[in-house]
Structure formats: structure tokens, C-alpha cells
PDB file of N, CA and C in Angstrom:
ATOM      1  N   UNK A   1       0.840  -1.167   0.000  1.00  0.00           N
ATOM      2  CA  UNK A   1       0.000   0.000   0.000  1.00  0.00           C
ATOM      3  C   UNK A   1       0.896   1.245   0.000  1.00  0.00           C
ATOM      4  N   UNK A   2       0.592   2.160  -0.917  1.00  0.00           N
ATOM      5  CA  UNK A   2       1.340   3.415  -0.990  1.00  0.00           C
ATOM      6  C   UNK A   2       0.962   4.295   0.200  1.00  0.00           C
ATOM      7  N   UNK A   3       1.864   5.170   0.572  1.00  0.00           N
ATOM      8  CA  UNK A   3       1.621   6.061   1.712  1.00  0.00           C
ATOM      9  C   UNK A   3       0.892   7.330   1.258  1.00  0.00           C
ATOM     10  N   UNK A   4       0.440   8.101   2.214  1.00  0.00           N
ATOM     11  CA  UNK A   4      -0.195   9.385   1.923  1.00  0.00           C
ATOM     12  C   UNK A   4       0.794  10.294   1.202  1.00  0.00           C
ATOM     13  N   UNK A   5       2.037  10.290   1.652  1.00  0.00           N
ATOM     14  CA  UNK A   5       3.064  11.114   1.002  1.00  0.00           C
ATOM     15  C   UNK A   5       3.304  10.695  -0.448  1.00  0.00           C
ATOM     16  N   UNK A   6       3.297   9.395  -0.709  1.00  0.00           N
ATOM     17  CA  UNK A   6       3.475   8.912  -2.089  1.00  0.00           C
ATOM     18  C   UNK A   6       2.295   9.324  -2.969  1.00  0.00           C
ATOM     19  N   UNK A   7       1.097   9.299  -2.425  1.00  0.00           N
ATOM     20  CA  UNK A   7      -0.082   9.735  -3.185  1.00  0.00           C
ATOM     21  C   UNK A   7      -0.019  11.233  -3.461  1.00  0.00           C
ATOM     22  N   UNK A   8       0.359  12.000  -2.452  1.00  0.00           N
ATOM     23  CA  UNK A   8       0.497  13.448  -2.608  1.00  0.00           C
ATOM     24  C   UNK A   8       1.547  13.752  -3.686  1.00  0.00           C
ATOM     25  N   UNK A   9       2.678  13.039  -3.624  1.00  0.00           N
ATOM     26  CA  UNK A   9       3.733  13.250  -4.612  1.00  0.00           C
ATOM     27  C   UNK A   9       3.255  12.862  -6.011  1.00  0.00           C
ATOM     28  N   UNK A  10       2.471  11.798  -6.114  1.00  0.00           N
ATOM     29  CA  UNK A  10       1.930  11.388  -7.415  1.00  0.00           C
ATOM     30  C   UNK A  10       1.067  12.500  -8.014  1.00  0.00           C
ATOM     31  N   UNK A  11       0.265  13.153  -7.193  1.00  0.00           N
ATOM     32  CA  UNK A  11      -0.566  14.254  -7.690  1.00  0.00           C
ATOM     33  C   UNK A  11       0.293  15.432  -8.130  1.00  0.00           C
ATOM     34  N   UNK A  12       1.342  15.716  -7.392  1.00  0.00           N
ATOM     35  CA  UNK A  12       2.248  16.801  -7.797  1.00  0.00           C
ATOM     36  C   UNK A  12       2.993  16.432  -9.080  1.00  0.00           C
ATOM     37  N   UNK A  13       3.351  15.161  -9.247  1.00  0.00           N
ATOM     38  CA  UNK A  13       3.979  14.706 -10.495  1.00  0.00           C
ATOM     39  C   UNK A  13       3.008  14.850 -11.663  1.00  0.00           C
ATOM     40  N   UNK A  14       1.744  14.507 -11.421  1.00  0.00           N
ATOM     41  CA  UNK A  14       0.717  14.667 -12.454  1.00  0.00           C
ATOM     42  C   UNK A  14       0.575  16.143 -12.825  1.00  0.00           C
ATOM     43  N   UNK A  15       0.570  17.007 -11.822  1.00  0.00           N
ATOM     44  CA  UNK A  15       0.461  18.445 -12.083  1.00  0.00           C
ATOM     45  C   UNK A  15       1.621  18.926 -12.954  1.00  0.00           C
ATOM     46  N   UNK A  16       2.820  18.459 -12.663  1.00  0.00           N
ATOM     47  CA  UNK A  16       3.995  18.854 -13.452  1.00  0.00           C
ATOM     48  C   UNK A  16       3.870  18.370 -14.893  1.00  0.00           C
ATOM     49  N   UNK A  17       3.393  17.141 -15.065  1.00  0.00           N
ATOM     50  CA  UNK A  17       3.214  16.605 -16.422  1.00  0.00           C
ATOM     51  C   UNK A  17       2.145  17.382 -17.183  1.00  0.00           C
ATOM     52  N   UNK A  18       1.050  17.716 -16.511  1.00  0.00           N
ATOM     53  CA  UNK A  18      -0.008  18.487 -17.162  1.00  0.00           C
ATOM     54  C   UNK A  18       0.489  19.881 -17.539  1.00  0.00           C
ATOM     55  N   UNK A  19       1.339  20.471 -16.697  1.00  0.00           N
ATOM     56  CA  UNK A  19       1.931  21.775 -17.026  1.00  0.00           C
ATOM     57  C   UNK A  19       2.727  21.690 -18.320  1.00  0.00           C
ATOM     58  N   UNK A  20       3.556  20.669 -18.430  1.00  0.00           N
ATOM     59  CA  UNK A  20       4.358  20.504 -19.658  1.00  0.00           C
ATOM     60  C   UNK A  20       3.459  20.278 -20.873  1.00  0.00           C
ATOM     61  N   UNK A  21       2.418  19.454 -20.707  1.00  0.00           N
ATOM     62  CA  UNK A  21       1.517  19.161 -21.824  1.00  0.00           C
ATOM     63  C   UNK A  21       0.683  20.372 -22.224  1.00  0.00           C
ATOM     64  N   UNK A  22       0.292  21.192 -21.259  1.00  0.00           N
ATOM     65  CA  UNK A  22      -0.521  22.371 -21.555  1.00  0.00           C
ATOM     66  C   UNK A  22       0.239  23.346 -22.442  1.00  0.00           C
ATOM     67  N   UNK A  23       1.544  23.400 -22.262  1.00  0.00           N
ATOM     68  CA  UNK A  23       2.360  24.300 -23.073  1.00  0.00           C
ATOM     69  C   UNK A  23       2.415  23.854 -24.527  1.00  0.00           C
ATOM     70  N   UNK A  24       2.392  22.547 -24.766  1.00  0.00           N
ATOM     71  CA  UNK A  24       2.499  22.046 -26.138  1.00  0.00           C
ATOM     72  C   UNK A  24       1.148  21.845 -26.804  1.00  0.00           C
ATOM     73  N   UNK A  25       0.121  21.514 -26.040  1.00  0.00           N
ATOM     74  CA  UNK A  25      -1.199  21.245 -26.610  1.00  0.00           C
ATOM     75  C   UNK A  25      -2.121  22.446 -26.640  1.00  0.00           C
ATOM     76  N   UNK A  26      -1.791  23.476 -25.936  1.00  0.00           N
ATOM     77  CA  UNK A  26      -2.702  24.600 -25.807  1.00  0.00           C
ATOM     78  C   UNK A  26      -3.604  24.378 -24.602  1.00  0.00           C
ATOM     79  N   UNK A  27      -4.328  25.403 -24.263  1.00  0.00           N
ATOM     80  CA  UNK A  27      -5.152  25.343 -23.064  1.00  0.00           C
ATOM     81  C   UNK A  27      -6.449  24.584 -23.314  1.00  0.00           C
ATOM     82  N   UNK A  28      -6.861  23.848 -22.311  1.00  0.00           N
ATOM     83  CA  UNK A  28      -8.110  23.111 -22.341  1.00  0.00           C
ATOM     84  C   UNK A  28      -9.163  23.954 -21.651  1.00  0.00           C
ATOM     85  N   UNK A  29     -10.299  24.117 -22.287  1.00  0.00           N
ATOM     86  CA  UNK A  29     -11.380  24.919 -21.733  1.00  0.00           C
ATOM     87  C   UNK A  29     -12.109  24.133 -20.640  1.00  0.00           C
ATOM     88  N   UNK A  30     -11.511  24.112 -19.459  1.00  0.00           N
ATOM     89  CA  UNK A  30     -12.093  23.377 -18.337  1.00  0.00           C
ATOM     90  C   UNK A  30     -11.595  24.006 -17.050  1.00  0.00           C
ATOM     91  N   UNK A  31     -12.513  24.449 -16.227  1.00  0.00           N
ATOM     92  CA  UNK A  31     -12.164  25.020 -14.928  1.00  0.00           C
ATOM     93  C   UNK A  31     -13.105  24.400 -13.901  1.00  0.00           C
ATOM     94  N   UNK A  32     -12.607  23.386 -13.204  1.00  0.00           N
ATOM     95  CA  UNK A  32     -13.431  22.631 -12.267  1.00  0.00           C
ATOM     96  C   UNK A  32     -12.653  22.301 -11.003  1.00  0.00           C
ATOM     97  N   UNK A  33     -13.379  22.146  -9.915  1.00  0.00           N
ATOM     98  CA  UNK A  33     -12.775  21.654  -8.684  1.00  0.00           C
ATOM     99  C   UNK A  33     -12.678  20.143  -8.770  1.00  0.00           C
ATOM    100  N   UNK A  34     -11.658  19.603  -8.142  1.00  0.00           N
ATOM    101  CA  UNK A  34     -11.384  18.170  -8.199  1.00  0.00           C
ATOM    102  C   UNK A  34     -11.143  17.636  -6.795  1.00  0.00           C
ATOM    103  N   UNK A  35     -11.763  16.518  -6.498  1.00  0.00           N
ATOM    104  CA  UNK A  35     -11.483  15.788  -5.259  1.00  0.00           C
ATOM    105  C   UNK A  35     -10.889  14.449  -5.645  1.00  0.00           C
ATOM    106  N   UNK A  36      -9.836  14.076  -4.962  1.00  0.00           N
ATOM    107  CA  UNK A  36      -9.198  12.781  -5.168  1.00  0.00           C
ATOM    108  C   UNK A  36      -9.276  12.034  -3.843  1.00  0.00           C
ATOM    109  N   UNK A  37     -10.098  11.003  -3.810  1.00  0.00           N
ATOM    110  CA  UNK A  37     -10.338  10.271  -2.568  1.00  0.00           C
ATOM    111  C   UNK A  37      -9.588   8.947  -2.595  1.00  0.00           C
ATOM    112  N   UNK A  38      -8.912   8.653  -1.483  1.00  0.00           N
ATOM    113  CA  UNK A  38      -8.089   7.456  -1.359  1.00  0.00           C
ATOM    114  C   UNK A  38      -8.615   6.667  -0.158  1.00  0.00           C
ATOM    115  N   UNK A  39      -9.608   5.805  -0.394  1.00  0.00           N
ATOM    116  CA  UNK A  39     -10.294   5.152   0.729  1.00  0.00           C
ATOM    117  C   UNK A  39      -9.426   4.205   1.560  1.00  0.00           C
ATOM    118  N   UNK A  40      -8.441   3.534   0.961  1.00  0.00           N
ATOM    119  CA  UNK A  40      -7.630   2.606   1.754  1.00  0.00           C
ATOM    120  C   UNK A  40      -6.725   3.324   2.755  1.00  0.00           C
ATOM    121  N   UNK A  41      -6.504   4.616   2.546  1.00  0.00           N
ATOM    122  CA  UNK A  41      -5.723   5.413   3.494  1.00  0.00           C
ATOM    123  C   UNK A  41      -6.613   6.351   4.315  1.00  0.00           C
ATOM    124  N   UNK A  42      -7.926   6.294   4.047  1.00  0.00           N
ATOM    125  CA  UNK A  42      -8.879   7.192   4.714  1.00  0.00           C
ATOM    126  C   UNK A  42      -8.440   8.650   4.590  1.00  0.00           C
ATOM    127  N   UNK A  43      -8.043   9.029   3.384  1.00  0.00           N
ATOM    128  CA  UNK A  43      -7.597  10.394   3.137  1.00  0.00           C
ATOM    129  C   UNK A  43      -8.124  10.882   1.800  1.00  0.00           C
ATOM    130  N   UNK A  44      -7.941  12.155   1.565  1.00  0.00           N
ATOM    131  CA  UNK A  44      -8.372  12.752   0.304  1.00  0.00           C
ATOM    132  C   UNK A  44      -7.523  13.992   0.037  1.00  0.00           C
ATOM    133  N   UNK A  45      -7.563  14.421  -1.205  1.00  0.00           N
ATOM    134  CA  UNK A  45      -6.878  15.625  -1.638  1.00  0.00           C
ATOM    135  C   UNK A  45      -7.869  16.408  -2.489  1.00  0.00           C
ATOM    136  N   UNK A  46      -7.638  17.684  -2.614  1.00  0.00           N
ATOM    137  CA  UNK A  46      -8.465  18.470  -3.521  1.00  0.00           C
ATOM    138  C   UNK A  46      -7.573  19.441  -4.286  1.00  0.00           C
ATOM    139  N   UNK A  47      -8.076  19.856  -5.431  1.00  0.00           N
ATOM    140  CA  UNK A  47      -7.312  20.747  -6.305  1.00  0.00           C
ATOM    141  C   UNK A  47      -8.289  21.402  -7.272  1.00  0.00           C
ATOM    142  N   UNK A  48      -7.723  22.120  -8.210  1.00  0.00           N
ATOM    143  CA  UNK A  48      -8.523  22.765  -9.242  1.00  0.00           C
ATOM    144  C   UNK A  48      -7.885  22.469 -10.591  1.00  0.00           C
ATOM    145  N   UNK A  49      -8.715  22.064 -11.536  1.00  0.00           N
ATOM    146  CA  UNK A  49      -8.279  21.886 -12.920  1.00  0.00           C
ATOM    147  C   UNK A  49      -8.633  23.168 -13.658  1.00  0.00           C
ATOM    148  N   UNK A  50      -7.647  23.794 -14.254  1.00  0.00           N
ATOM    149  CA  UNK A  50      -7.893  25.034 -14.996  1.00  0.00           C
ATOM    150  C   UNK A  50      -6.902  25.128 -16.142  1.00  0.00           C
ATOM    151  N   UNK A  51      -7.426  25.350 -17.331  1.00  0.00           N
ATOM    152  CA  UNK A  51      -6.553  25.521 -18.492  1.00  0.00           C
ATOM    153  C   UNK A  51      -5.647  24.344 -18.766  1.00  0.00           C
ATOM    154  N   UNK A  52      -6.107  23.135 -18.456  1.00  0.00           N
ATOM    155  CA  UNK A  52      -5.299  21.949 -18.688  1.00  0.00           C
ATOM    156  C   UNK A  52      -4.241  21.715 -17.620  1.00  0.00           C
ATOM    157  N   UNK A  53      -4.326  22.458 -16.534  1.00  0.00           N
ATOM    158  CA  UNK A  53      -3.354  22.335 -15.447  1.00  0.00           C
ATOM    159  C   UNK A  53      -4.051  21.913 -14.153  1.00  0.00           C
ATOM    160  N   UNK A  54      -3.310  21.266 -13.284  1.00  0.00           N
ATOM    161  CA  UNK A  54      -3.791  20.879 -11.963  1.00  0.00           C
ATOM    162  C   UNK A  54      -3.149  21.837 -10.959  1.00  0.00           C
ATOM    163  N   UNK A  55      -3.981  22.639 -10.316  1.00  0.00           N
ATOM    164  CA  UNK A  55      -3.492  23.719  -9.467  1.00  0.00           C
ATOM    165  C   UNK A  55      -3.957  23.576  -8.021  1.00  0.00           C
ATOM    166  N   UNK A  56      -3.244  24.191  -7.134  1.00  0.00           N
ATOM    167  CA  UNK A  56      -3.654  24.321  -5.730  1.00  0.00           C
ATOM    168  C   UNK A  56      -3.946  22.981  -5.057  1.00  0.00           C
ATOM    169  N   UNK A  57      -3.069  22.024  -5.213  1.00  0.00           N
ATOM    170  CA  UNK A  57      -3.249  20.705  -4.591  1.00  0.00           C
ATOM    171  C   UNK A  57      -3.110  20.857  -3.080  1.00  0.00           C
ATOM    172  N   UNK A  58      -4.086  20.318  -2.361  1.00  0.00           N
ATOM    173  CA  UNK A  58      -4.062  20.413  -0.896  1.00  0.00           C
ATOM    174  C   UNK A  58      -4.668  19.157  -0.292  1.00  0.00           C
ATOM    175  N   UNK A  59      -4.333  18.911   0.955  1.00  0.00           N
ATOM    176  CA  UNK A  59      -4.903  17.784   1.677  1.00  0.00           C
ATOM    177  C   UNK A  59      -6.358  18.085   2.038  1.00  0.00           C
ATOM    178  N   UNK A  60      -7.150  17.031   2.139  1.00  0.00           N
ATOM    179  CA  UNK A  60      -8.543  17.167   2.553  1.00  0.00           C
ATOM    180  C   UNK A  60      -9.490  17.009   1.387  1.00  0.00           C
ATOM    181  N   UNK A  61     -10.685  16.604   1.713  1.00  0.00           N
ATOM    182  CA  UNK A  61     -11.722  16.368   0.714  1.00  0.00           C
ATOM    183  C   UNK A  61     -12.431  17.675   0.364  1.00  0.00           C
ATOM    184  N   UNK A  62     -13.041  17.693  -0.792  1.00  0.00           N
ATOM    185  CA  UNK A  62     -13.934  18.778  -1.190  1.00  0.00           C
ATOM    186  C   UNK A  62     -15.249  18.124  -1.604  1.00  0.00           C
ATOM    187  N   UNK A  63     -16.209  18.032  -0.677  1.00  0.00           N
ATOM    188  CA  UNK A  63     -17.464  17.351  -0.993  1.00  0.00           C
ATOM    189  C   UNK A  63     -18.266  18.022  -2.105  1.00  0.00           C
ATOM    190  N   UNK A  64     -17.953  19.273  -2.416  1.00  0.00           N
ATOM    191  CA  UNK A  64     -18.672  19.986  -3.471  1.00  0.00           C
ATOM    192  C   UNK A  64     -17.917  19.970  -4.803  1.00  0.00           C
ATOM    193  N   UNK A  65     -16.842  19.196  -4.886  1.00  0.00           N
ATOM    194  CA  UNK A  65     -16.033  19.158  -6.109  1.00  0.00           C
ATOM    195  C   UNK A  65     -16.873  18.710  -7.304  1.00  0.00           C
ATOM    196  N   UNK A  66     -16.638  19.335  -8.429  1.00  0.00           N
ATOM    197  CA  UNK A  66     -17.363  19.002  -9.661  1.00  0.00           C
ATOM    198  C   UNK A  66     -16.880  17.692 -10.270  1.00  0.00           C
ATOM    199  N   UNK A  67     -15.623  17.325  -9.977  1.00  0.00           N
ATOM    200  CA  UNK A  67     -15.055  16.072 -10.462  1.00  0.00           C
ATOM    201  C   UNK A  67     -14.500  15.334  -9.254  1.00  0.00           C
ATOM    202  N   UNK A  68     -14.866  14.065  -9.114  1.00  0.00           N
ATOM    203  CA  UNK A  68     -14.380  13.267  -7.984  1.00  0.00           C
ATOM    204  C   UNK A  68     -13.757  11.985  -8.506  1.00  0.00           C
ATOM    205  N   UNK A  69     -12.514  11.772  -8.150  1.00  0.00           N
ATOM    206  CA  UNK A  69     -11.791  10.559  -8.510  1.00  0.00           C
ATOM    207  C   UNK A  69     -11.576   9.764  -7.231  1.00  0.00           C
ATOM    208  N   UNK A  70     -11.935   8.492  -7.263  1.00  0.00           N
ATOM    209  CA  UNK A  70     -11.729   7.613  -6.112  1.00  0.00           C
ATOM    210  C   UNK A  70     -10.871   6.446  -6.560  1.00  0.00           C
ATOM    211  N   UNK A  71      -9.769   6.241  -5.839  1.00  0.00           N
ATOM    212  CA  UNK A  71      -8.852   5.143  -6.160  1.00  0.00           C
ATOM    213  C   UNK A  71      -8.077   4.763  -4.917  1.00  0.00           C
ATOM    214  N   UNK A  72      -7.761   3.494  -4.778  1.00  0.00           N
ATOM    215  CA  UNK A  72      -6.881   3.072  -3.700  1.00  0.00           C
ATOM    216  C   UNK A  72      -5.480   3.608  -3.973  1.00  0.00           C
ATOM    217  N   UNK A  73      -4.688   3.693  -2.945  1.00  0.00           N
ATOM    218  CA  UNK A  73      -3.384   4.343  -3.032  1.00  0.00           C
ATOM    219  C   UNK A  73      -2.482   3.749  -4.121  1.00  0.00           C
ATOM    220  N   UNK A  74      -2.375   2.438  -4.165  1.00  0.00           N
ATOM    221  CA  UNK A  74      -1.518   1.804  -5.176  1.00  0.00           C
ATOM    222  C   UNK A  74      -2.026   2.085  -6.585  1.00  0.00           C
ATOM    223  N   UNK A  75      -3.340   2.078  -6.760  1.00  0.00           N
ATOM    224  CA  UNK A  75      -3.913   2.346  -8.078  1.00  0.00           C
ATOM    225  C   UNK A  75      -3.689   3.796  -8.497  1.00  0.00           C
ATOM    226  N   UNK A  76      -3.779   4.719  -7.556  1.00  0.00           N
ATOM    227  CA  UNK A  76      -3.535   6.130  -7.863  1.00  0.00           C
ATOM    228  C   UNK A  76      -2.099   6.327  -8.333  1.00  0.00           C
ATOM    229  N   UNK A  77      -1.166   5.779  -7.615  1.00  0.00           N
ATOM    230  CA  UNK A  77       0.253   5.902  -7.990  1.00  0.00           C
ATOM    231  C   UNK A  77       0.498   5.229  -9.339  1.00  0.00           C
ATOM    232  N   UNK A  78      -0.088   4.057  -9.548  1.00  0.00           N
ATOM    233  CA  UNK A  78       0.085   3.345 -10.819  1.00  0.00           C
ATOM    234  C   UNK A  78      -0.516   4.128 -11.989  1.00  0.00           C
ATOM    235  N   UNK A  79      -1.638   4.783 -11.772  1.00  0.00           N
ATOM    236  CA  UNK A  79      -2.246   5.606 -12.828  1.00  0.00           C
ATOM    237  C   UNK A  79      -1.314   6.738 -13.233  1.00  0.00           C
ATOM    238  N   UNK A  80      -0.804   7.436 -12.249  1.00  0.00           N
ATOM    239  CA  UNK A  80       0.041   8.597 -12.524  1.00  0.00           C
ATOM    240  C   UNK A  80       1.351   8.192 -13.190  1.00  0.00           C
ATOM    241  N   UNK A  81       1.910   7.061 -12.779  1.00  0.00           N
ATOM    242  CA  UNK A  81       3.183   6.624 -13.366  1.00  0.00           C
ATOM    243  C   UNK A  81       3.007   5.918 -14.702  1.00  0.00           C
ATOM    244  N   UNK A  82       1.770   5.647 -15.089  1.00  0.00           N
ATOM    245  CA  UNK A  82       1.509   5.014 -16.376  1.00  0.00           C
ATOM    246  C   UNK A  82       1.512   3.494 -16.343  1.00  0.00           C
ATOM    247  N   UNK A  83       1.620   2.911 -15.160  1.00  0.00           N
ATOM    248  CA  UNK A  83       1.590   1.448 -15.052  1.00  0.00           C
ATOM    249  C   UNK A  83       0.176   0.901 -15.099  1.00  0.00           C
ATOM    250  N   UNK A  84      -0.826   1.771 -14.950  1.00  0.00           N
ATOM    251  CA  UNK A  84      -2.227   1.361 -14.987  1.00  0.00           C
ATOM    252  C   UNK A  84      -2.944   2.237 -16.002  1.00  0.00           C
ATOM    253  N   UNK A  85      -3.576   1.613 -16.973  1.00  0.00           N
ATOM    254  CA  UNK A  85      -4.318   2.326 -18.004  1.00  0.00           C
ATOM    255  C   UNK A  85      -5.629   2.840 -17.418  1.00  0.00           C
ATOM    256  N   UNK A  86      -5.885   4.127 -17.586  1.00  0.00           N
ATOM    257  CA  UNK A  86      -7.060   4.745 -16.978  1.00  0.00           C
ATOM    258  C   UNK A  86      -8.366   4.137 -17.502  1.00  0.00           C
ATOM    259  N   UNK A  87      -8.441   3.835 -18.779  1.00  0.00           N
ATOM    260  CA  UNK A  87      -9.667   3.262 -19.341  1.00  0.00           C
ATOM    261  C   UNK A  87      -9.942   1.886 -18.740  1.00  0.00           C
ATOM    262  N   UNK A  88      -8.918   1.067 -18.659  1.00  0.00           N
ATOM    263  CA  UNK A  88      -9.084  -0.264 -18.051  1.00  0.00           C
ATOM    264  C   UNK A  88      -9.412  -0.162 -16.570  1.00  0.00           C
ATOM    265  N   UNK A  89      -8.778   0.777 -15.896  1.00  0.00           N
ATOM    266  CA  UNK A  89      -9.012   0.950 -14.456  1.00  0.00           C
ATOM    267  C   UNK A  89     -10.450   1.356 -14.175  1.00  0.00           C
ATOM    268  N   UNK A  90     -10.995   2.224 -15.004  1.00  0.00           N
ATOM    269  CA  UNK A  90     -12.391   2.632 -14.835  1.00  0.00           C
ATOM    270  C   UNK A  90     -13.321   1.486 -15.191  1.00  0.00           C
ATOM    271  N   UNK A  91     -13.025   0.787 -16.289  1.00  0.00           N
ATOM    272  CA  UNK A  91     -13.875  -0.336 -16.715  1.00  0.00           C
ATOM    273  C   UNK A  91     -13.884  -1.455 -15.683  1.00  0.00           C
ATOM    274  N   UNK A  92     -12.772  -1.688 -15.023  1.00  0.00           N
ATOM    275  CA  UNK A  92     -12.689  -2.757 -14.026  1.00  0.00           C
ATOM    276  C   UNK A  92     -13.094  -2.275 -12.632  1.00  0.00           C
ATOM    277  N   UNK A  93     -13.453  -1.003 -12.538  1.00  0.00           N
ATOM    278  CA  UNK A  93     -13.889  -0.377 -11.282  1.00  0.00           C
ATOM    279  C   UNK A  93     -12.792  -0.276 -10.226  1.00  0.00           C
ATOM    280  N   UNK A  94     -11.545  -0.306 -10.670  1.00  0.00           N
ATOM    281  CA  UNK A  94     -10.438  -0.028  -9.755  1.00  0.00           C
ATOM    282  C   UNK A  94     -10.431   1.453  -9.419  1.00  0.00           C
ATOM    283  N   UNK A  95     -10.890   2.244 -10.370  1.00  0.00           N
ATOM    284  CA  UNK A  95     -10.927   3.695 -10.235  1.00  0.00           C
ATOM    285  C   UNK A  95     -12.324   4.165 -10.604  1.00  0.00           C
ATOM    286  N   UNK A  96     -12.817   5.112  -9.845  1.00  0.00           N
ATOM    287  CA  UNK A  96     -14.134   5.685 -10.104  1.00  0.00           C
ATOM    288  C   UNK A  96     -13.975   7.173 -10.369  1.00  0.00           C
ATOM    289  N   UNK A  97     -14.632   7.659 -11.417  1.00  0.00           N
ATOM    290  CA  UNK A  97     -14.625   9.091 -11.717  1.00  0.00           C
ATOM    291  C   UNK A  97     -16.073   9.541 -11.842  1.00  0.00           C
ATOM    292  N   UNK A  98     -16.435  10.505 -11.003  1.00  0.00           N
ATOM    293  CA  UNK A  98     -17.779  11.084 -11.064  1.00  0.00           C
ATOM    294  C   UNK A  98     -17.647  12.501 -11.581  1.00  0.00           C
ATOM    295  N   UNK A  99     -18.304  12.738 -12.718  1.00  0.00           N
ATOM    296  CA  UNK A  99     -18.242  14.060 -13.331  1.00  0.00           C
ATOM    297  C   UNK A  99     -19.359  14.177 -14.358  1.00  0.00           C
ATOM    298  N   UNK A 100     -19.620  15.379 -14.751  1.00  0.00           N
ATOM    299  CA  UNK A 100     -20.546  15.659 -15.826  1.00  0.00           C
ATOM    300  C   UNK A 100     -20.017  14.955 -17.087  1.00  0.00           C
ATOM    301  N   UNK A 101     -20.883  14.331 -17.891  1.00  0.00           N
ATOM    302  CA  UNK A 101     -20.399  13.629 -19.101  1.00  0.00           C
ATOM    303  C   UNK A 101     -19.584  14.525 -20.040  1.00  0.00           C
ATOM    304  N   UNK A 102     -19.941  15.788 -20.141  1.00  0.00           N
ATOM    305  CA  UNK A 102     -19.185  16.693 -21.004  1.00  0.00           C
ATOM    306  C   UNK A 102     -17.789  16.949 -20.430  1.00  0.00           C
ATOM    307  N   UNK A 103     -17.696  17.014 -19.099  1.00  0.00           N
ATOM    308  CA  UNK A 103     -16.390  17.173 -18.461  1.00  0.00           C
ATOM    309  C   UNK A 103     -15.526  15.943 -18.685  1.00  0.00           C
ATOM    310  N   UNK A 104     -16.142  14.758 -18.642  1.00  0.00           N
ATOM    311  CA  UNK A 104     -15.389  13.530 -18.902  1.00  0.00           C
ATOM    312  C   UNK A 104     -14.779  13.535 -20.289  1.00  0.00           C
ATOM    313  N   UNK A 105     -15.524  14.012 -21.266  1.00  0.00           N
ATOM    314  CA  UNK A 105     -14.996  14.098 -22.628  1.00  0.00           C
ATOM    315  C   UNK A 105     -13.797  15.053 -22.698  1.00  0.00           C
ATOM    316  N   UNK A 106     -13.880  16.156 -21.983  1.00  0.00           N
ATOM    317  CA  UNK A 106     -12.759  17.100 -21.955  1.00  0.00           C
ATOM    318  C   UNK A 106     -11.572  16.503 -21.212  1.00  0.00           C
ATOM    319  N   UNK A 107     -11.849  15.763 -20.146  1.00  0.00           N
ATOM    320  CA  UNK A 107     -10.759  15.146 -19.370  1.00  0.00           C
ATOM    321  C   UNK A 107      -9.969  14.145 -20.204  1.00  0.00           C
ATOM    322  N   UNK A 108     -10.640  13.468 -21.133  1.00  0.00           N
ATOM    323  CA  UNK A 108      -9.940  12.513 -21.987  1.00  0.00           C
ATOM    324  C   UNK A 108      -8.790  13.162 -22.725  1.00  0.00           C
ATOM    325  N   UNK A 109      -8.934  14.448 -23.061  1.00  0.00           N
ATOM    326  CA  UNK A 109      -7.868  15.168 -23.774  1.00  0.00           C
ATOM    327  C   UNK A 109      -6.625  15.329 -22.908  1.00  0.00           C
ATOM    328  N   UNK A 110      -6.822  15.330 -21.586  1.00  0.00           N
ATOM    329  CA  UNK A 110      -5.677  15.460 -20.685  1.00  0.00           C
ATOM    330  C   UNK A 110      -4.865  14.189 -20.587  1.00  0.00           C
ATOM    331  N   UNK A 111      -5.504  13.052 -20.841  1.00  0.00           N
ATOM    332  CA  UNK A 111      -4.851  11.766 -20.617  1.00  0.00           C
ATOM    333  C   UNK A 111      -4.125  11.298 -21.814  1.00  0.00           C
TER     334      UNK A 111
END
């Protein structure tokens, strides 16, 4: 099981990758709050997706987040490092994403 610190670092690594991609792909028209819930560690993180970037990552849940990702710690780290395919993870219910269907379509561009 990955630690809280490893999950936090994975989110910061994802933010760095999205920053690099936003510069080459152009900005994505999406500004939403994001909650990342890690039930096996009984913890959560929240952030904001804006312009194809992941900003303001902080500890704690945001129950009003427009996008909610739920994954166990190992699955979260594996997703960010590319060892777990997001489509397969969602299909197998290892990872859950709750969002408006139009937001999901925009999120696909980030992956």
C-alpha cells in the first residue's frame, strides 16, 4: 500500500506533467474543482483543474467538487506513473470518476 506522502507526490507529479503538456497542446477549456479520494488510506486531496493544469493541490476532501476521482493508493500511484491504463481501471472499477459527461470528454484530452 502506498503512503499518503506517495499519493500526494503522485498528484504533484501529475500536475507537473499536465503543465508541460498544456504548453504544447494549448489550453483546455475546463475550470473545475477536483477531489481525489483514497479510501484505503482514509484520506483525500483536492485541487482545481484550470486551463489543462492541476493547481492548488491540498490535503482534505472537497465534498462539493465538480469532479471526484476515487482510487486506492496503489492504483492512484500506478495511474500517474503510467503502469495502470485509466480506461481499463475505470472499466474494471479499480478507479471511479464522477463528473458531468461533457467534463469527462474534456478530461480525456488530458490523458
